[in-house]
Amino acid sequence: MNLGLDGKVALVAGASRGLGAATARELAREGARVVLCGRDLRRLLPVQSAIVGELGDGAVTMLVAADLTRDEDVERLIGLAAARFGRLDVLITNCGGPPTGRFEDHGLEAWRAGVDTTLLSVVRLIRAALPELRKSETPSILTFTSNSARQPVPNLTLANTLRLAVVGLTKTLALELGPEGIRVNSILPAWTRTERMLEIIGERARRNGTTVEHELEKQAEESALGRLGTPEEFARAAVFLCSPAVPFLTGVMLGFDGGIYKATL
């Protein structure tokens, strides 16, 4: 199936590892010109090298180091991408999750930092990118959130709260921007094998006095498929959702969870 991404310009935030890196690679495989963003340029270089190593000189990538909690960095990021390519077709917002912990583990400073990183980074990116997205014939925004937005995860109070706020923003923007032809969707991963997931599982193992392997097996048993997802599987779902191949899909909150979410709707 041709997803219609050949020659499109896609910006992926948080592209230095995990789900962001996997999605950037999948976009490149589909022929998109990919802007990879992360805080540390050195951590983006291996992702770029992997793309070029797989696809050769035909791969078009651009690296930009930016801190998404800084207004000026976000403006510079979008400005550099626009200067290089002249437009933006796909914006993917993604950031690291806030610290683990229960409600009383976090002071107000942790809440403020969590809001800045998890919610306001998305707001900054979309506000800065909209003028460029409006130049595209197939504009699309995809927010990376979490299954915790619809089914809270123990010991993840900050993430449970703030990811849900991003889902609310996504749905609202789908309604506001739909008349302009700008699609806005979200993908909600559950337990996918990333560094972030292993950090959470490691904390759970320490808290329960068990091993990481035991907690991974227990977590896998909760899904209908009896296993965890992979970043590569996630990336294929994400790229499909933000691609021109599905122009009538907007306001969708796509669960990537292997059936761990048990509600009917």
C-alpha atoms as a PDB file:
ATOM      1  CA  MET A   1       0.000   0.000   0.000  1.00  0.00           C
ATOM      2  CA  ASN A   2       1.344   3.402  -0.984  1.00  0.00           C
ATOM      3  CA  LEU A   3       0.921   5.746   1.983  1.00  0.00           C
ATOM      4  CA  GLY A   4       1.512   8.841  -0.141  1.00  0.00           C
ATOM      5  CA  LEU A   5       4.457  10.060   1.951  1.00  0.00           C
ATOM      6  CA  ASP A   6       7.085  10.124  -0.786  1.00  0.00           C
ATOM      7  CA  GLY A   7       8.629  13.603  -0.818  1.00  0.00           C
ATOM      8  CA  LYS A   8       6.560  14.837   2.122  1.00  0.00           C
ATOM      9  CA  VAL A   9       8.255  16.715   4.962  1.00  0.00           C
ATOM     10  CA  ALA A  10       7.791  15.216   8.425  1.00  0.00           C
ATOM     11  CA  LEU A  11       9.118  16.530  11.727  1.00  0.00           C
ATOM     12  CA  VAL A  12       9.529  14.054  14.567  1.00  0.00           C
ATOM     13  CA  ALA A  13      10.153  15.372  18.070  1.00  0.00           C
ATOM     14  CA  GLY A  14      11.898  13.133  20.567  1.00  0.00           C
ATOM     15  CA  ALA A  15      13.554  11.231  17.724  1.00  0.00           C
ATOM     16  CA  SER A  16      16.746  10.201  19.493  1.00  0.00           C
ATOM     17  CA  ARG A  17      15.429   6.921  20.903  1.00  0.00           C
ATOM     18  CA  GLY A  18      12.449   4.642  21.407  1.00  0.00           C
ATOM     19  CA  LEU A  19       9.176   5.302  19.639  1.00  0.00           C
ATOM     20  CA  GLY A  20      10.332   8.590  18.110  1.00  0.00           C
ATOM     21  CA  ALA A  21      13.434   7.061  16.554  1.00  0.00           C
ATOM     22  CA  ALA A  22      11.491   4.092  15.203  1.00  0.00           C
ATOM     23  CA  THR A  23       8.855   6.392  13.682  1.00  0.00           C
ATOM     24  CA  ALA A  24      11.486   8.591  12.046  1.00  0.00           C
ATOM     25  CA  ARG A  25      13.031   5.502  10.424  1.00  0.00           C
ATOM     26  CA  GLU A  26       9.642   4.288   9.177  1.00  0.00           C
ATOM     27  CA  LEU A  27       8.809   7.693   7.695  1.00  0.00           C
ATOM     28  CA  ALA A  28      12.129   7.660   5.852  1.00  0.00           C
ATOM     29  CA  ARG A  29      11.369   4.182   4.511  1.00  0.00           C
ATOM     30  CA  GLU A  30       8.150   5.602   3.068  1.00  0.00           C
ATOM     31  CA  GLY A  31      10.111   8.280   1.234  1.00  0.00           C
ATOM     32  CA  ALA A  32       9.456  11.216   3.543  1.00  0.00           C
ATOM     33  CA  ARG A  33      12.046  13.894   4.178  1.00  0.00           C
ATOM     34  CA  VAL A  34      12.482  13.698   7.931  1.00  0.00           C
ATOM     35  CA  VAL A  35      13.469  16.375  10.434  1.00  0.00           C
ATOM     36  CA  LEU A  36      14.719  14.636  13.574  1.00  0.00           C
ATOM     37  CA  CYS A  37      14.582  16.668  16.770  1.00  0.00           C
ATOM     38  CA  GLY A  38      16.059  15.929  20.183  1.00  0.00           C
ATOM     39  CA  ARG A  39      17.779  17.715  23.025  1.00  0.00           C
ATOM     40  CA  ASP A  40      21.195  16.252  22.232  1.00  0.00           C
ATOM     41  CA  LEU A  41      22.518  16.265  18.682  1.00  0.00           C
ATOM     42  CA  ARG A  42      24.940  13.456  19.511  1.00  0.00           C
ATOM     43  CA  ARG A  43      22.062  11.129  20.320  1.00  0.00           C
ATOM     44  CA  LEU A  44      20.367  11.913  17.012  1.00  0.00           C
ATOM     45  CA  LEU A  45      23.414  11.016  14.935  1.00  0.00           C
ATOM     46  CA  PRO A  46      23.101   7.206  15.353  1.00  0.00           C
ATOM     47  CA  VAL A  47      19.444   7.391  14.265  1.00  0.00           C
ATOM     48  CA  GLN A  48      20.412   9.347  11.168  1.00  0.00           C
ATOM     49  CA  SER A  49      23.253   6.905  10.467  1.00  0.00           C
ATOM     50  CA  ALA A  50      20.872   3.950  10.729  1.00  0.00           C
ATOM     51  CA  ILE A  51      18.493   5.578   8.234  1.00  0.00           C
ATOM     52  CA  VAL A  52      21.256   6.350   5.752  1.00  0.00           C
ATOM     53  CA  GLY A  53      22.803   2.909   6.257  1.00  0.00           C
ATOM     54  CA  GLU A  54      19.505   1.250   5.373  1.00  0.00           C
ATOM     55  CA  LEU A  55      18.258   3.558   2.618  1.00  0.00           C
ATOM     56  CA  GLY A  56      21.461   5.005   1.190  1.00  0.00           C
ATOM     57  CA  ASP A  57      21.986   8.468  -0.199  1.00  0.00           C
ATOM     58  CA  GLY A  58      18.332   8.732  -1.213  1.00  0.00           C
ATOM     59  CA  ALA A  59      17.363   9.284   2.430  1.00  0.00           C
ATOM     60  CA  VAL A  60      16.821  12.975   3.194  1.00  0.00           C
ATOM     61  CA  THR A  61      17.181  13.834   6.872  1.00  0.00           C
ATOM     62  CA  MET A  62      17.852  16.908   8.932  1.00  0.00           C
ATOM     63  CA  LEU A  63      18.951  17.030  12.576  1.00  0.00           C
ATOM     64  CA  VAL A  64      18.002  19.842  14.941  1.00  0.00           C
ATOM     65  CA  ALA A  65      18.867  19.976  18.627  1.00  0.00           C
ATOM     66  CA  ALA A  66      16.103  21.714  20.571  1.00  0.00           C
ATOM     67  CA  ASP A  67      14.701  21.839  24.076  1.00  0.00           C
ATOM     68  CA  LEU A  68      10.929  21.758  23.710  1.00  0.00           C
ATOM     69  CA  THR A  69      10.445  23.521  27.053  1.00  0.00           C
ATOM     70  CA  ARG A  70      12.044  26.658  25.551  1.00  0.00           C
ATOM     71  CA  ASP A  71       9.918  28.857  23.299  1.00  0.00           C
ATOM     72  CA  GLU A  72      12.914  30.121  21.360  1.00  0.00           C
ATOM     73  CA  ASP A  73      14.176  26.594  20.657  1.00  0.00           C
ATOM     74  CA  VAL A  74      10.835  25.527  19.237  1.00  0.00           C
ATOM     75  CA  GLU A  75      10.595  28.610  17.034  1.00  0.00           C
ATOM     76  CA  ARG A  76      14.140  27.970  15.803  1.00  0.00           C
ATOM     77  CA  LEU A  77      13.339  24.300  15.109  1.00  0.00           C
ATOM     78  CA  ILE A  78      10.343  25.117  12.920  1.00  0.00           C
ATOM     79  CA  GLY A  79      12.203  27.980  11.259  1.00  0.00           C
ATOM     80  CA  LEU A  80      15.136  25.772  10.296  1.00  0.00           C
ATOM     81  CA  ALA A  81      12.845  23.063   8.913  1.00  0.00           C
ATOM     82  CA  ALA A  82      10.892  25.639   6.889  1.00  0.00           C
ATOM     83  CA  ALA A  83      14.070  27.240   5.572  1.00  0.00           C
ATOM     84  CA  ARG A  84      15.363  23.868   4.399  1.00  0.00           C
ATOM     85  CA  PHE A  85      12.186  22.436   2.894  1.00  0.00           C
ATOM     86  CA  GLY A  86       9.774  25.340   2.427  1.00  0.00           C
ATOM     87  CA  ARG A  87       6.866  23.664   4.175  1.00  0.00           C
ATOM     88  CA  LEU A  88       5.814  21.026   6.663  1.00  0.00           C
ATOM     89  CA  ASP A  89       3.368  18.190   5.930  1.00  0.00           C
ATOM     90  CA  VAL A  90       3.506  16.080   9.094  1.00  0.00           C
ATOM     91  CA  LEU A  91       4.180  17.131  12.674  1.00  0.00           C
ATOM     92  CA  ILE A  92       4.713  14.435  15.286  1.00  0.00           C
ATOM     93  CA  THR A  93       4.829  15.617  18.889  1.00  0.00           C
ATOM     94  CA  ASN A  94       6.657  13.368  21.312  1.00  0.00           C
ATOM     95  CA  CYS A  95       8.461  13.833  24.604  1.00  0.00           C
ATOM     96  CA  GLY A  96       9.831  11.761  27.433  1.00  0.00           C
ATOM     97  CA  GLY A  97       7.412  10.796  30.159  1.00  0.00           C
ATOM     98  CA  PRO A  98       7.367  12.563  33.546  1.00  0.00           C
ATOM     99  CA  PRO A  99       8.825  10.868  36.641  1.00  0.00           C
ATOM    100  CA  THR A 100       7.100   7.865  38.161  1.00  0.00           C
ATOM    101  CA  GLY A 101       5.428   8.124  41.562  1.00  0.00           C
ATOM    102  CA  ARG A 102       2.161   8.415  43.427  1.00  0.00           C
ATOM    103  CA  PHE A 103       0.315  11.699  44.026  1.00  0.00           C
ATOM    104  CA  GLU A 104       2.010  12.510  47.348  1.00  0.00           C
ATOM    105  CA  ASP A 105       5.457  11.749  45.931  1.00  0.00           C
ATOM    106  CA  HIS A 106       5.379  14.897  43.793  1.00  0.00           C
ATOM    107  CA  GLY A 107       5.639  18.490  44.936  1.00  0.00           C
ATOM    108  CA  LEU A 108       4.298  21.421  42.964  1.00  0.00           C
ATOM    109  CA  GLU A 109       7.618  21.924  41.192  1.00  0.00           C
ATOM    110  CA  ALA A 110       7.381  18.393  39.774  1.00  0.00           C
ATOM    111  CA  TRP A 111       3.862  19.156  38.565  1.00  0.00           C
ATOM    112  CA  ARG A 112       4.993  22.398  36.930  1.00  0.00           C
ATOM    113  CA  ALA A 113       7.902  20.668  35.236  1.00  0.00           C
ATOM    114  CA  GLY A 114       5.604  17.859  34.082  1.00  0.00           C
ATOM    115  CA  VAL A 115       3.122  20.305  32.577  1.00  0.00           C
ATOM    116  CA  ASP A 116       5.924  22.148  30.795  1.00  0.00           C
ATOM    117  CA  THR A 117       7.468  18.996  29.342  1.00  0.00           C
ATOM    118  CA  THR A 118       4.423  16.840  28.620  1.00  0.00           C
ATOM    119  CA  LEU A 119       1.686  19.332  27.737  1.00  0.00           C
ATOM    120  CA  LEU A 120       3.203  22.712  26.884  1.00  0.00           C
ATOM    121  CA  SER A 121       5.843  21.160  24.607  1.00  0.00           C
ATOM    122  CA  VAL A 122       2.956  19.956  22.428  1.00  0.00           C
ATOM    123  CA  VAL A 123       1.286  23.365  22.552  1.00  0.00           C
ATOM    124  CA  ARG A 124       4.540  25.103  21.558  1.00  0.00           C
ATOM    125  CA  LEU A 125       5.205  22.761  18.654  1.00  0.00           C
ATOM    126  CA  ILE A 126       1.726  23.003  17.195  1.00  0.00           C
ATOM    127  CA  ARG A 127       1.504  26.786  17.560  1.00  0.00           C
ATOM    128  CA  ALA A 128       4.856  27.243  15.841  1.00  0.00           C
ATOM    129  CA  ALA A 129       4.178  24.685  13.112  1.00  0.00           C
ATOM    130  CA  LEU A 130       0.676  25.736  12.054  1.00  0.00           C
ATOM    131  CA  PRO A 131       1.772  28.448   9.576  1.00  0.00           C
ATOM    132  CA  GLU A 132       3.943  25.886   7.764  1.00  0.00           C
ATOM    133  CA  LEU A 133       1.342  23.108   7.932  1.00  0.00           C
ATOM    134  CA  ARG A 134      -1.146  25.443   6.269  1.00  0.00           C
ATOM    135  CA  LYS A 135       1.088  25.451   3.182  1.00  0.00           C
ATOM    136  CA  SER A 136       0.673  21.688   2.772  1.00  0.00           C
ATOM    137  CA  GLU A 137      -1.956  19.924   0.680  1.00  0.00           C
ATOM    138  CA  THR A 138      -2.007  17.044   3.189  1.00  0.00           C
ATOM    139  CA  PRO A 139      -1.307  18.533   6.632  1.00  0.00           C
ATOM    140  CA  SER A 140      -1.327  16.159   9.569  1.00  0.00           C
ATOM    141  CA  ILE A 141      -0.523  16.372  13.274  1.00  0.00           C
ATOM    142  CA  LEU A 142       0.035  13.268  15.371  1.00  0.00           C
ATOM    143  CA  THR A 143       0.489  13.416  19.134  1.00  0.00           C
ATOM    144  CA  PHE A 144       2.166  10.578  20.982  1.00  0.00           C
ATOM    145  CA  THR A 145       0.308  10.077  24.246  1.00  0.00           C
ATOM    146  CA  SER A 146      -0.246   6.879  26.244  1.00  0.00           C
ATOM    147  CA  ASN A 147      -2.769   4.217  27.086  1.00  0.00           C
ATOM    148  CA  SER A 148      -2.530   5.618  30.617  1.00  0.00           C
ATOM    149  CA  ALA A 149      -4.744   8.469  29.404  1.00  0.00           C
ATOM    150  CA  ARG A 150      -7.724   6.103  29.267  1.00  0.00           C
ATOM    151  CA  GLN A 151      -6.658   3.436  31.762  1.00  0.00           C
ATOM    152  CA  PRO A 152      -4.463   4.860  34.562  1.00  0.00           C
ATOM    153  CA  VAL A 153      -1.284   2.975  35.392  1.00  0.00           C
ATOM    154  CA  PRO A 154      -0.309   2.573  39.072  1.00  0.00           C
ATOM    155  CA  ASN A 155       2.566   4.798  40.229  1.00  0.00           C
ATOM    156  CA  LEU A 156       2.269   7.069  37.170  1.00  0.00           C
ATOM    157  CA  THR A 157       0.154   9.904  38.552  1.00  0.00           C
ATOM    158  CA  LEU A 158       1.846  12.631  36.533  1.00  0.00           C
ATOM    159  CA  ALA A 159       1.684  10.726  33.246  1.00  0.00           C
ATOM    160  CA  ASN A 160      -1.903   9.566  33.831  1.00  0.00           C
ATOM    161  CA  THR A 161      -2.974  13.179  34.296  1.00  0.00           C
ATOM    162  CA  LEU A 162      -0.888  14.995  31.712  1.00  0.00           C
ATOM    163  CA  ARG A 163      -1.216  12.517  28.837  1.00  0.00           C
ATOM    164  CA  LEU A 164      -4.983  12.848  29.220  1.00  0.00           C
ATOM    165  CA  ALA A 165      -4.613  16.615  28.839  1.00  0.00           C
ATOM    166  CA  VAL A 166      -2.790  16.075  25.530  1.00  0.00           C
ATOM    167  CA  VAL A 167      -5.603  13.781  24.369  1.00  0.00           C
ATOM    168  CA  GLY A 168      -8.113  16.533  25.193  1.00  0.00           C
ATOM    169  CA  LEU A 169      -6.044  19.040  23.229  1.00  0.00           C
ATOM    170  CA  THR A 170      -5.778  16.641  20.280  1.00  0.00           C
ATOM    171  CA  LYS A 171      -9.519  16.087  20.058  1.00  0.00           C
ATOM    172  CA  THR A 172     -10.231  19.797  20.392  1.00  0.00           C
ATOM    173  CA  LEU A 173      -7.756  20.728  17.657  1.00  0.00           C
ATOM    174  CA  ALA A 174      -9.212  18.081  15.338  1.00  0.00           C
ATOM    175  CA  LEU A 175     -12.517  19.950  15.570  1.00  0.00           C
ATOM    176  CA  GLU A 176     -10.993  23.435  15.311  1.00  0.00           C
ATOM    177  CA  LEU A 177      -8.577  22.705  12.462  1.00  0.00           C
ATOM    178  CA  GLY A 178     -10.710  20.255  10.509  1.00  0.00           C
ATOM    179  CA  PRO A 179     -12.360  22.971   8.390  1.00  0.00           C
ATOM    180  CA  GLU A 180      -8.849  23.872   7.132  1.00  0.00           C
ATOM    181  CA  GLY A 181      -8.153  20.270   6.164  1.00  0.00           C
ATOM    182  CA  ILE A 182      -5.604  19.774   8.960  1.00  0.00           C
ATOM    183  CA  ARG A 183      -5.970  16.330  10.502  1.00  0.00           C
ATOM    184  CA  VAL A 184      -5.094  15.874  14.189  1.00  0.00           C
ATOM    185  CA  ASN A 185      -4.851  12.410  15.734  1.00  0.00           C
ATOM    186  CA  SER A 186      -3.193  10.684  18.649  1.00  0.00           C
ATOM    187  CA  ILE A 187      -1.651   7.257  19.166  1.00  0.00           C
ATOM    188  CA  LEU A 188      -1.798   5.748  22.647  1.00  0.00           C
ATOM    189  CA  PRO A 189       0.883   3.101  23.237  1.00  0.00           C
ATOM    190  CA  ALA A 190       0.626   0.698  26.138  1.00  0.00           C
ATOM    191  CA  TRP A 191       3.537  -1.548  27.094  1.00  0.00           C
ATOM    192  CA  THR A 192       6.042  -1.303  24.276  1.00  0.00           C
ATOM    193  CA  ARG A 193       9.693  -2.375  24.627  1.00  0.00           C
ATOM    194  CA  THR A 194      11.484   0.953  24.973  1.00  0.00           C
ATOM    195  CA  GLU A 195      14.060   2.328  27.399  1.00  0.00           C
ATOM    196  CA  ARG A 196      11.315   4.330  29.113  1.00  0.00           C
ATOM    197  CA  MET A 197       9.193   1.191  29.580  1.00  0.00           C
ATOM    198  CA  LEU A 198      12.121  -0.713  31.049  1.00  0.00           C
ATOM    199  CA  GLU A 199      12.746   2.160  33.487  1.00  0.00           C
ATOM    200  CA  ILE A 200       9.126   1.949  34.676  1.00  0.00           C
ATOM    201  CA  ILE A 201       9.260  -1.838  34.957  1.00  0.00           C
ATOM    202  CA  GLY A 202      12.571  -1.601  36.824  1.00  0.00           C
ATOM    203  CA  GLU A 203      11.007   0.769  39.356  1.00  0.00           C
ATOM    204  CA  ARG A 204       8.047  -1.597  39.740  1.00  0.00           C
ATOM    205  CA  ALA A 205      10.372  -4.548  40.320  1.00  0.00           C
ATOM    206  CA  ARG A 206      12.236  -2.629  43.039  1.00  0.00           C
ATOM    207  CA  ARG A 207       8.991  -1.615  44.688  1.00  0.00           C
ATOM    208  CA  ASN A 208       7.597  -5.176  44.601  1.00  0.00           C
ATOM    209  CA  GLY A 209      10.846  -6.893  45.511  1.00  0.00           C
ATOM    210  CA  THR A 210      10.814  -8.935  42.292  1.00  0.00           C
ATOM    211  CA  THR A 211      12.879  -8.995  39.098  1.00  0.00           C
ATOM    212  CA  VAL A 212      12.502  -7.072  35.855  1.00  0.00           C
ATOM    213  CA  GLU A 213      11.982 -10.371  33.997  1.00  0.00           C
ATOM    214  CA  HIS A 214       9.148 -11.347  36.354  1.00  0.00           C
ATOM    215  CA  GLU A 215       7.406  -7.993  35.958  1.00  0.00           C
ATOM    216  CA  LEU A 216       7.779  -8.109  32.166  1.00  0.00           C
ATOM    217  CA  GLU A 217       6.177 -11.550  32.023  1.00  0.00           C
ATOM    218  CA  LYS A 218       3.359 -10.427  34.315  1.00  0.00           C
ATOM    219  CA  GLN A 219       2.741  -7.322  32.211  1.00  0.00           C
ATOM    220  CA  ALA A 220       2.739  -9.278  28.954  1.00  0.00           C
ATOM    221  CA  GLU A 221       0.063 -11.607  30.319  1.00  0.00           C
ATOM    222  CA  GLU A 222      -2.362  -8.669  30.623  1.00  0.00           C
ATOM    223  CA  SER A 223      -2.553  -8.145  26.865  1.00  0.00           C
ATOM    224  CA  ALA A 224      -4.839 -10.193  24.639  1.00  0.00           C
ATOM    225  CA  LEU A 225      -1.808 -11.219  22.582  1.00  0.00           C
ATOM    226  CA  GLY A 226       0.217 -12.255  25.593  1.00  0.00           C
ATOM    227  CA  ARG A 227       3.232 -10.130  24.715  1.00  0.00           C
ATOM    228  CA  LEU A 228       4.576  -6.589  24.585  1.00  0.00           C
ATOM    229  CA  GLY A 229       4.650  -4.440  21.461  1.00  0.00           C
ATOM    230  CA  THR A 230       7.817  -3.385  19.650  1.00  0.00           C
ATOM    231  CA  PRO A 231       8.846   0.114  18.553  1.00  0.00           C
ATOM    232  CA  GLU A 232       8.837  -1.081  14.914  1.00  0.00           C
ATOM    233  CA  GLU A 233       5.218  -2.228  15.169  1.00  0.00           C
ATOM    234  CA  PHE A 234       4.264   1.049  16.807  1.00  0.00           C
ATOM    235  CA  ALA A 235       6.025   3.051  14.100  1.00  0.00           C
ATOM    236  CA  ARG A 236       4.085   1.365  11.306  1.00  0.00           C
ATOM    237  CA  ALA A 237       0.777   2.189  13.020  1.00  0.00           C
ATOM    238  CA  ALA A 238       1.833   5.782  13.697  1.00  0.00           C
ATOM    239  CA  VAL A 239       3.031   6.425  10.147  1.00  0.00           C
ATOM    240  CA  PHE A 240      -0.168   4.989   8.685  1.00  0.00           C
ATOM    241  CA  LEU A 241      -2.309   7.221  10.920  1.00  0.00           C
ATOM    242  CA  CYS A 242      -0.525  10.444   9.971  1.00  0.00           C
ATOM    243  CA  SER A 243      -0.155   9.597   6.280  1.00  0.00           C
ATOM    244  CA  PRO A 244      -2.217  10.922   3.350  1.00  0.00           C
ATOM    245  CA  ALA A 245      -3.476   7.357   2.830  1.00  0.00           C
ATOM    246  CA  VAL A 246      -6.237   7.944   5.410  1.00  0.00           C
ATOM    247  CA  PRO A 247      -7.475  11.492   4.678  1.00  0.00           C
ATOM    248  CA  PHE A 248     -10.826  11.002   6.451  1.00  0.00           C
ATOM    249  CA  LEU A 249      -9.311  10.008   9.808  1.00  0.00           C
ATOM    250  CA  THR A 250      -9.122  12.862  12.292  1.00  0.00           C
ATOM    251  CA  GLY A 251      -9.824  13.122  15.995  1.00  0.00           C
ATOM    252  CA  VAL A 252      -8.848   9.461  16.341  1.00  0.00           C
ATOM    253  CA  MET A 253      -7.258   8.196  19.561  1.00  0.00           C
ATOM    254  CA  LEU A 254      -5.662   4.982  18.316  1.00  0.00           C
ATOM    255  CA  GLY A 255      -4.781   2.473  20.990  1.00  0.00           C
ATOM    256  CA  PHE A 256      -1.569   0.566  20.377  1.00  0.00           C
ATOM    257  CA  ASP A 257      -1.927  -1.866  23.226  1.00  0.00           C
ATOM    258  CA  GLY A 258      -2.224  -5.507  22.124  1.00  0.00           C
ATOM    259  CA  GLY A 259      -5.707  -5.636  23.612  1.00  0.00           C
ATOM    260  CA  ILE A 260      -4.702  -4.623  27.132  1.00  0.00           C
ATOM    261  CA  TYR A 261      -7.474  -2.015  27.157  1.00  0.00           C
ATOM    262  CA  LYS A 262     -10.611  -4.003  27.952  1.00  0.00           C
ATOM    263  CA  ALA A 263     -13.441  -1.462  27.525  1.00  0.00           C
ATOM    264  CA  THR A 264     -15.709  -1.814  24.489  1.00  0.00           C
ATOM    265  CA  LEU A 265     -15.382   1.862  23.468  1.00  0.00           C
END
